[in-house]
Amino acid sequence: MSTESAGRPAPGTTGGTRRAANTLVRMTGSGTPEERIHTDGGPRPAPGKDRVLVEVEAAGVSFAEVQMLQHLHPFPPAFPFVPGYDLVGRIVEVGPGVTGWKTGDRIAAMPRQGAWQRFVELPAKTLAAVPATLDAAVAVALVVNGVTAYQMLHRLTRPRPGGTVLVHGASGGVGALLTQLAVHHGLRVIGTASPAKHDAVRELGAEPLDYRTPDLAAAVRALAPEGVQAVFDHIGGRGLDAGWAMLAPGGTLVSFDSSVAGYRPGQWFRPHVPALRRTAARFFARLLGLTGGRRMSMYYVKPGPDFNADYAELCRLAEDGVLTPRIAGRHPLDGAAAAVRALLDGSSVGKHVLTP
């Protein structure tokens, strides 16, 4: 890529002097989306050293924002703040010292907060390239959700084709992509979801189970008597014990999130303690040879060279038609509260996206 700016006025400017104002969403405290998520205006940022200014095409809505709204996220920002874990957009200004990127380049990023606005200033070193032809909502669905699914399957567990895996929340943003990737990898997938979403799970190529089945471990064992190679769990808590019981020898249980249902706002770390305790206990038990080769791991997506390489592969799979991210809804910025409400109501299949 060229290291120089294109030398023309950026979108939203006239002759390089008039600058379009910014539009952004603020989360002002714990409470309901309708009470605490508001659209606001502000000045358009200017990129500092080693940073770029991006005009956002699509920003993701995820359960991280639900946890932040309830002040139950493990790394809670201080209120008020601009939410938004991931985004796709185009560079409109390049700051001093930036190399490898130019005005007009299409990028993806995972700032963890700040994506829910029209213009975002980002460190240049955190960006990943996005194909020009890929739909923005599809491209942003591959950032956090897609890379999470890809790395858990291909970097963390690496199950053998022909084996069986269990995907909790198989109709969700991560679960649907994980299911598609696993099926493409030649795996049999058992996917949990509410009965209303079982047809959607079947369409992904998985065998659905109701996640509220009283003895879920027994139900999975009935389908896979020798156990499963991997369990991907986004719920946490005591369900991790059931997941452990489902594993075949040498299998892996991955905890990649924790439900915050039943916790009071402000108990930001408590929902994640059960997974931490179980992971530590099973690590030491494995060192002592007491787990039959089974292991448990916690996963958290992070930027870096592996992230960029895996995101590029996901874009290729999407362009080839192997992956079809489900887009549950496309919302304007002033529809952010409605998007979060849809997640809270639990009726969504796929990812909600804001399109500034």
Protein backbone atom coordinates (compact mmCIF):
# COMPACT_ATOMS: atom_id res chain seq x y z
CA MET A 1 0.00 0.00 0.00
CA SER A 2 1.09 3.59 -0.62
CA THR A 3 2.44 5.47 2.36
CA GLU A 4 1.23 8.88 1.18
CA SER A 5 -2.14 10.58 1.38
CA ALA A 6 -4.04 10.89 -1.87
CA GLY A 7 -3.72 14.68 -1.75
CA ARG A 8 -7.42 15.36 -2.29
CA PRO A 9 -10.11 16.64 0.10
CA ALA A 10 -11.38 13.84 2.31
CA PRO A 11 -15.07 12.85 2.14
CA GLY A 12 -17.09 15.26 4.25
CA THR A 13 -14.88 18.26 3.43
CA THR A 14 -15.00 21.03 0.87
CA GLY A 15 -11.61 22.15 -0.40
CA GLY A 16 -10.10 20.71 2.78
CA THR A 17 -11.67 23.46 4.96
CA ARG A 18 -15.26 22.52 5.87
CA ARG A 19 -15.45 19.46 8.07
CA ALA A 20 -18.56 17.37 8.56
CA ALA A 21 -19.65 17.22 12.18
CA ASN A 22 -19.55 13.92 14.01
CA THR A 23 -22.56 11.91 15.13
CA LEU A 24 -22.11 9.46 17.96
CA VAL A 25 -23.89 7.29 20.49
CA ARG A 26 -23.26 7.61 24.22
CA MET A 27 -23.95 5.11 26.99
CA THR A 28 -24.54 7.21 30.10
CA GLY A 29 -24.88 4.60 32.86
CA SER A 30 -26.40 1.31 33.97
CA GLY A 31 -30.04 0.75 33.13
CA THR A 32 -32.26 0.02 30.16
CA PRO A 33 -31.16 0.76 26.59
CA GLU A 34 -34.00 3.24 26.21
CA GLU A 35 -32.86 5.16 29.30
CA ARG A 36 -29.10 5.01 28.89
CA ILE A 37 -28.26 4.95 25.16
CA HIS A 38 -28.55 8.28 23.36
CA THR A 39 -27.46 9.80 20.05
CA ASP A 40 -25.37 12.95 20.31
CA GLY A 41 -23.33 15.31 18.16
CA GLY A 42 -19.78 16.52 18.40
CA PRO A 43 -16.78 17.78 16.46
CA ARG A 44 -15.11 15.58 13.90
CA PRO A 45 -11.80 14.32 15.32
CA ALA A 46 -8.44 14.95 13.66
CA PRO A 47 -5.92 12.10 13.51
CA GLY A 48 -2.86 12.37 15.72
CA LYS A 49 0.59 10.88 15.20
CA ASP A 50 0.54 7.30 13.92
CA ARG A 51 -3.25 7.39 13.75
CA VAL A 52 -5.92 7.64 11.06
CA LEU A 53 -9.44 9.00 10.88
CA VAL A 54 -12.03 6.52 9.63
CA GLU A 55 -15.55 7.16 8.39
CA VAL A 56 -17.57 4.22 9.66
CA GLU A 57 -19.62 2.13 7.22
CA ALA A 58 -20.82 -0.43 9.78
CA ALA A 59 -20.31 -1.01 13.50
CA GLY A 60 -21.21 -4.17 15.36
CA VAL A 61 -23.63 -4.57 18.25
CA SER A 62 -22.76 -7.37 20.66
CA PHE A 63 -23.37 -8.77 24.14
CA ALA A 64 -20.29 -6.85 25.25
CA GLU A 65 -22.44 -3.72 25.04
CA VAL A 66 -25.20 -5.48 26.99
CA GLN A 67 -22.67 -6.31 29.71
CA MET A 68 -21.36 -2.74 29.69
CA LEU A 69 -24.90 -1.37 29.96
CA GLN A 70 -25.41 -3.50 33.07
CA HIS A 71 -21.89 -2.68 34.33
CA LEU A 72 -21.07 -6.38 34.23
CA HIS A 73 -18.31 -6.39 31.63
CA PRO A 74 -14.95 -7.73 32.90
CA PHE A 75 -13.19 -4.56 31.71
CA PRO A 76 -15.83 -1.88 32.30
CA PRO A 77 -15.23 1.62 30.89
CA ALA A 78 -16.26 4.65 32.93
CA PHE A 79 -19.62 6.20 32.05
CA PRO A 80 -20.38 8.08 29.89
CA PHE A 81 -18.61 6.62 26.87
CA VAL A 82 -19.13 5.75 23.20
CA PRO A 83 -19.70 1.99 22.85
CA GLY A 84 -18.81 -0.16 19.88
CA TYR A 85 -16.46 -3.13 19.84
CA ASP A 86 -15.83 -3.46 16.09
CA LEU A 87 -16.20 -1.51 12.86
CA VAL A 88 -15.59 -1.39 9.13
CA GLY A 89 -14.99 1.88 7.28
CA ARG A 90 -12.76 3.96 5.01
CA ILE A 91 -9.80 6.11 5.94
CA VAL A 92 -10.58 9.80 5.33
CA GLU A 93 -7.47 11.34 6.92
CA VAL A 94 -3.97 10.06 7.70
CA GLY A 95 -2.02 11.45 10.63
CA PRO A 96 1.74 12.15 10.79
CA GLY A 97 3.99 9.10 10.82
CA VAL A 98 1.49 6.66 9.33
CA THR A 99 2.92 4.19 6.83
CA GLY A 100 1.17 1.45 4.92
CA TRP A 101 -2.25 3.15 4.77
CA LYS A 102 -3.68 5.96 2.65
CA THR A 103 -6.87 7.96 2.31
CA GLY A 104 -9.60 5.81 0.74
CA ASP A 105 -8.34 2.46 2.06
CA ARG A 106 -11.07 0.23 3.44
CA ILE A 107 -10.30 -1.17 6.88
CA ALA A 108 -11.64 -3.19 9.81
CA ALA A 109 -10.76 -2.56 13.44
CA MET A 110 -11.61 -3.76 16.94
CA PRO A 111 -11.31 -0.73 19.25
CA ARG A 112 -13.51 -2.40 21.94
CA GLN A 113 -15.25 0.94 22.49
CA GLY A 114 -15.83 4.01 20.36
CA ALA A 115 -17.11 2.40 17.14
CA TRP A 116 -20.67 3.74 17.42
CA GLN A 117 -20.04 7.05 15.67
CA ARG A 118 -19.61 8.40 12.17
CA PHE A 119 -15.93 9.32 12.47
CA VAL A 120 -13.43 7.39 14.61
CA GLU A 121 -9.75 8.07 15.23
CA LEU A 122 -7.75 4.81 15.37
CA PRO A 123 -4.12 3.69 15.74
CA ALA A 124 -2.87 2.69 12.29
CA LYS A 125 -1.13 -0.40 13.65
CA THR A 126 -4.48 -1.95 14.71
CA LEU A 127 -6.11 -1.98 11.26
CA ALA A 128 -6.89 -4.90 8.96
CA ALA A 129 -7.66 -4.62 5.24
CA VAL A 130 -11.20 -5.25 3.94
CA PRO A 131 -11.99 -6.30 0.33
CA ALA A 132 -13.67 -3.51 -1.62
CA THR A 133 -16.55 -5.74 -2.77
CA LEU A 134 -17.56 -7.19 0.62
CA ASP A 135 -20.81 -5.87 2.11
CA ALA A 136 -20.02 -3.69 5.13
CA ALA A 137 -22.40 -5.51 7.47
CA VAL A 138 -20.95 -8.87 6.45
CA ALA A 139 -17.41 -7.54 6.84
CA VAL A 140 -18.06 -6.24 10.38
CA ALA A 141 -19.73 -9.51 11.37
CA LEU A 142 -16.40 -11.20 10.65
CA VAL A 143 -14.33 -8.93 12.91
CA VAL A 144 -15.03 -9.99 16.50
CA ASN A 145 -17.54 -12.77 15.85
CA GLY A 146 -15.73 -14.27 12.90
CA VAL A 147 -12.20 -14.15 14.29
CA THR A 148 -13.43 -15.51 17.62
CA ALA A 149 -15.06 -18.47 15.87
CA TYR A 150 -12.09 -19.09 13.56
CA GLN A 151 -9.42 -18.96 16.25
CA MET A 152 -11.32 -21.13 18.72
CA LEU A 153 -11.75 -23.78 16.04
CA HIS A 154 -8.45 -23.63 14.18
CA ARG A 155 -5.94 -22.26 16.71
CA LEU A 156 -7.26 -23.40 20.08
CA THR A 157 -9.00 -26.78 19.64
CA ARG A 158 -8.13 -28.08 16.15
CA PRO A 159 -10.65 -30.96 16.10
CA ARG A 160 -10.14 -33.69 13.53
CA PRO A 161 -12.49 -33.82 10.52
CA GLY A 162 -15.08 -36.52 11.06
CA GLY A 163 -15.40 -35.77 14.77
CA THR A 164 -18.24 -34.12 16.67
CA VAL A 165 -18.31 -30.75 18.45
CA LEU A 166 -20.92 -28.95 20.52
CA VAL A 167 -21.62 -25.27 19.84
CA HIS A 168 -23.73 -23.44 22.41
CA GLY A 169 -25.80 -20.59 20.99
CA ALA A 170 -25.45 -21.96 17.46
CA SER A 171 -27.82 -19.34 16.05
CA GLY A 172 -25.97 -16.37 17.57
CA GLY A 173 -23.37 -14.07 16.10
CA VAL A 174 -20.37 -16.22 17.03
CA GLY A 175 -22.21 -19.54 17.11
CA ALA A 176 -23.59 -19.35 13.58
CA LEU A 177 -20.17 -18.59 12.10
CA LEU A 178 -18.51 -21.24 14.26
CA THR A 179 -21.07 -23.79 13.10
CA GLN A 180 -20.49 -22.94 9.43
CA LEU A 181 -16.72 -23.12 9.85
CA ALA A 182 -16.95 -26.47 11.65
CA VAL A 183 -19.21 -27.96 8.99
CA HIS A 184 -16.85 -26.70 6.29
CA HIS A 185 -14.00 -28.37 8.22
CA GLY A 186 -15.81 -31.72 7.99
CA LEU A 187 -17.14 -31.85 11.54
CA ARG A 188 -20.48 -33.01 12.83
CA VAL A 189 -21.99 -30.16 14.87
CA ILE A 190 -24.52 -30.37 17.69
CA GLY A 191 -25.87 -26.86 18.25
CA THR A 192 -27.90 -25.60 21.19
CA ALA A 193 -30.58 -22.98 20.72
CA SER A 194 -34.15 -22.25 21.74
CA PRO A 195 -36.73 -24.37 19.85
CA ALA A 196 -37.85 -21.35 17.80
CA LYS A 197 -34.35 -21.21 16.29
CA HIS A 198 -33.91 -24.92 15.54
CA ASP A 199 -34.76 -24.54 11.85
CA ALA A 200 -32.08 -21.84 11.56
CA VAL A 201 -29.57 -24.19 13.24
CA ARG A 202 -30.46 -26.99 10.80
CA GLU A 203 -29.94 -24.61 7.88
CA LEU A 204 -26.38 -24.09 9.12
CA GLY A 205 -25.78 -27.84 8.94
CA ALA A 206 -26.01 -28.65 12.66
CA GLU A 207 -28.22 -30.92 14.76
CA PRO A 208 -30.20 -28.73 17.17
CA LEU A 209 -30.79 -29.31 20.89
CA ASP A 210 -32.81 -27.16 23.28
CA TYR A 211 -30.29 -25.52 25.62
CA ARG A 212 -32.88 -25.83 28.43
CA THR A 213 -32.90 -29.64 28.23
CA PRO A 214 -32.84 -30.80 31.90
CA ASP A 215 -29.88 -33.17 31.46
CA LEU A 216 -28.09 -31.66 28.49
CA ALA A 217 -24.96 -33.75 29.00
CA ALA A 218 -27.00 -36.96 28.73
CA ALA A 219 -28.76 -35.65 25.61
CA VAL A 220 -25.41 -34.92 23.97
CA ARG A 221 -24.05 -38.32 25.00
CA ALA A 222 -27.10 -39.96 23.38
CA LEU A 223 -26.07 -38.32 20.10
CA ALA A 224 -22.32 -38.81 20.62
CA PRO A 225 -21.81 -41.80 22.95
CA GLU A 226 -18.02 -41.46 22.96
CA GLY A 227 -18.18 -37.75 23.74
CA VAL A 228 -17.37 -34.69 21.66
CA GLN A 229 -13.98 -33.34 20.62
CA ALA A 230 -14.80 -29.80 21.67
CA VAL A 231 -17.43 -27.80 23.53
CA PHE A 232 -17.71 -24.06 22.83
CA ASP A 233 -19.48 -22.36 25.74
CA HIS A 234 -20.57 -18.72 25.92
CA ILE A 235 -22.71 -19.09 29.04
CA GLY A 236 -20.30 -20.02 31.81
CA GLY A 237 -21.30 -20.88 35.37
CA ARG A 238 -22.34 -24.43 36.25
CA GLY A 239 -22.93 -25.22 32.59
CA LEU A 240 -19.15 -25.57 32.29
CA ASP A 241 -19.37 -28.72 34.44
CA ALA A 242 -21.90 -30.22 32.03
CA GLY A 243 -19.64 -29.26 29.12
CA TRP A 244 -16.70 -30.99 30.78
CA ALA A 245 -18.78 -34.16 31.18
CA MET A 246 -19.54 -34.19 27.44
CA LEU A 247 -15.90 -34.27 26.33
CA ALA A 248 -14.24 -37.30 24.81
CA PRO A 249 -10.72 -38.15 26.02
CA GLY A 250 -8.37 -35.49 24.65
CA GLY A 251 -11.24 -33.06 24.08
CA THR A 252 -11.28 -29.33 24.84
CA LEU A 253 -13.84 -27.15 26.62
CA VAL A 254 -13.61 -23.50 25.57
CA SER A 255 -15.24 -20.75 27.62
CA PHE A 256 -15.46 -17.57 25.55
CA ASP A 257 -17.96 -15.52 27.53
CA SER A 258 -20.17 -15.64 30.61
CA SER A 259 -23.88 -15.00 31.05
CA VAL A 260 -24.65 -12.04 33.29
CA ALA A 261 -28.25 -13.08 33.96
CA GLY A 262 -29.11 -12.83 37.65
CA TYR A 263 -26.21 -10.55 38.62
CA ARG A 264 -26.77 -7.04 39.96
CA PRO A 265 -25.40 -4.09 37.98
CA GLY A 266 -21.90 -3.27 39.11
CA GLN A 267 -20.84 -6.85 39.92
CA TRP A 268 -18.56 -6.52 36.95
CA PHE A 269 -16.20 -9.43 37.66
CA ARG A 270 -18.43 -11.96 39.44
CA PRO A 271 -20.01 -13.57 36.32
CA HIS A 272 -16.54 -14.54 35.11
CA VAL A 273 -15.20 -16.05 38.34
CA PRO A 274 -16.69 -19.55 37.79
CA ALA A 275 -14.85 -19.95 34.49
CA LEU A 276 -11.58 -18.70 35.96
CA ARG A 277 -11.81 -21.11 38.90
CA ARG A 278 -12.66 -24.10 36.75
CA THR A 279 -9.97 -23.32 34.19
CA ALA A 280 -7.30 -23.08 36.90
CA ALA A 281 -8.45 -26.25 38.69
CA ARG A 282 -8.51 -28.30 35.50
CA PHE A 283 -5.15 -26.97 34.39
CA PHE A 284 -3.50 -28.35 37.52
CA ALA A 285 -5.51 -31.57 37.33
CA ARG A 286 -4.25 -32.02 33.78
CA LEU A 287 -0.66 -31.53 34.92
CA LEU A 288 -1.24 -34.39 37.37
CA GLY A 289 -2.68 -36.60 34.63
CA LEU A 290 -6.17 -36.63 36.15
CA THR A 291 -8.24 -35.37 33.21
CA GLY A 292 -7.92 -38.14 30.63
CA GLY A 293 -6.18 -35.69 28.32
CA ARG A 294 -9.14 -33.30 28.46
CA ARG A 295 -8.45 -29.63 28.94
CA MET A 296 -10.31 -26.38 29.52
CA SER A 297 -9.37 -22.99 28.14
CA MET A 298 -10.70 -19.44 28.25
CA TYR A 299 -10.62 -17.42 25.04
CA TYR A 300 -10.55 -13.67 24.46
CA VAL A 301 -10.09 -12.17 21.00
CA LYS A 302 -7.22 -9.70 20.65
CA PRO A 303 -5.62 -7.75 17.77
CA GLY A 304 -2.28 -8.66 16.25
CA PRO A 305 -0.73 -10.50 13.28
CA ASP A 306 -2.81 -13.66 13.87
CA PHE A 307 -5.97 -11.57 14.00
CA ASN A 308 -5.18 -9.90 10.67
CA ALA A 309 -4.27 -13.19 8.97
CA ASP A 310 -7.40 -14.93 10.22
CA TYR A 311 -9.62 -11.99 9.28
CA ALA A 312 -8.22 -12.06 5.74
CA GLU A 313 -9.04 -15.78 5.51
CA LEU A 314 -12.57 -15.17 6.76
CA CYS A 315 -13.10 -12.48 4.12
CA ARG A 316 -11.93 -14.94 1.47
CA LEU A 317 -14.35 -17.60 2.74
CA ALA A 318 -17.20 -15.07 2.71
CA GLU A 319 -16.40 -13.96 -0.84
CA ASP A 320 -16.26 -17.62 -1.91
CA GLY A 321 -19.70 -18.27 -0.40
CA VAL A 322 -18.44 -20.67 2.27
CA LEU A 323 -19.44 -18.30 5.06
CA THR A 324 -22.71 -16.39 5.16
CA PRO A 325 -22.87 -14.22 8.28
CA ARG A 326 -26.45 -13.79 9.44
CA ILE A 327 -27.37 -10.11 9.79
CA ALA A 328 -30.18 -9.84 12.31
CA GLY A 329 -30.79 -6.15 11.67
CA ARG A 330 -29.29 -3.00 10.17
CA HIS A 331 -29.91 0.12 12.25
CA PRO A 332 -29.02 3.82 11.99
CA LEU A 333 -27.03 5.31 14.84
CA ASP A 334 -30.19 6.60 16.50
CA GLY A 335 -31.46 3.00 16.45
CA ALA A 336 -28.68 1.73 18.74
CA ALA A 337 -31.01 1.39 21.74
CA ALA A 338 -33.44 -0.69 19.67
CA ALA A 339 -30.58 -2.94 18.51
CA VAL A 340 -29.47 -3.58 22.09
CA ARG A 341 -33.08 -4.21 23.11
CA ALA A 342 -33.35 -6.85 20.38
CA LEU A 343 -30.31 -8.62 21.83
CA LEU A 344 -31.79 -8.48 25.32
CA ASP A 345 -35.08 -9.94 24.10
CA GLY A 346 -33.24 -13.01 22.79
CA SER A 347 -35.11 -13.35 19.49
CA SER A 348 -32.23 -12.47 17.16
CA VAL A 349 -30.50 -14.81 14.74
CA GLY A 350 -27.11 -13.39 13.77
CA LYS A 351 -25.54 -9.98 14.32
CA HIS A 352 -27.09 -6.55 14.67
CA VAL A 353 -25.21 -3.78 12.88
CA LEU A 354 -25.26 0.02 13.03
CA THR A 355 -24.79 1.80 9.69
CA PRO A 356 -23.81 5.46 10.26
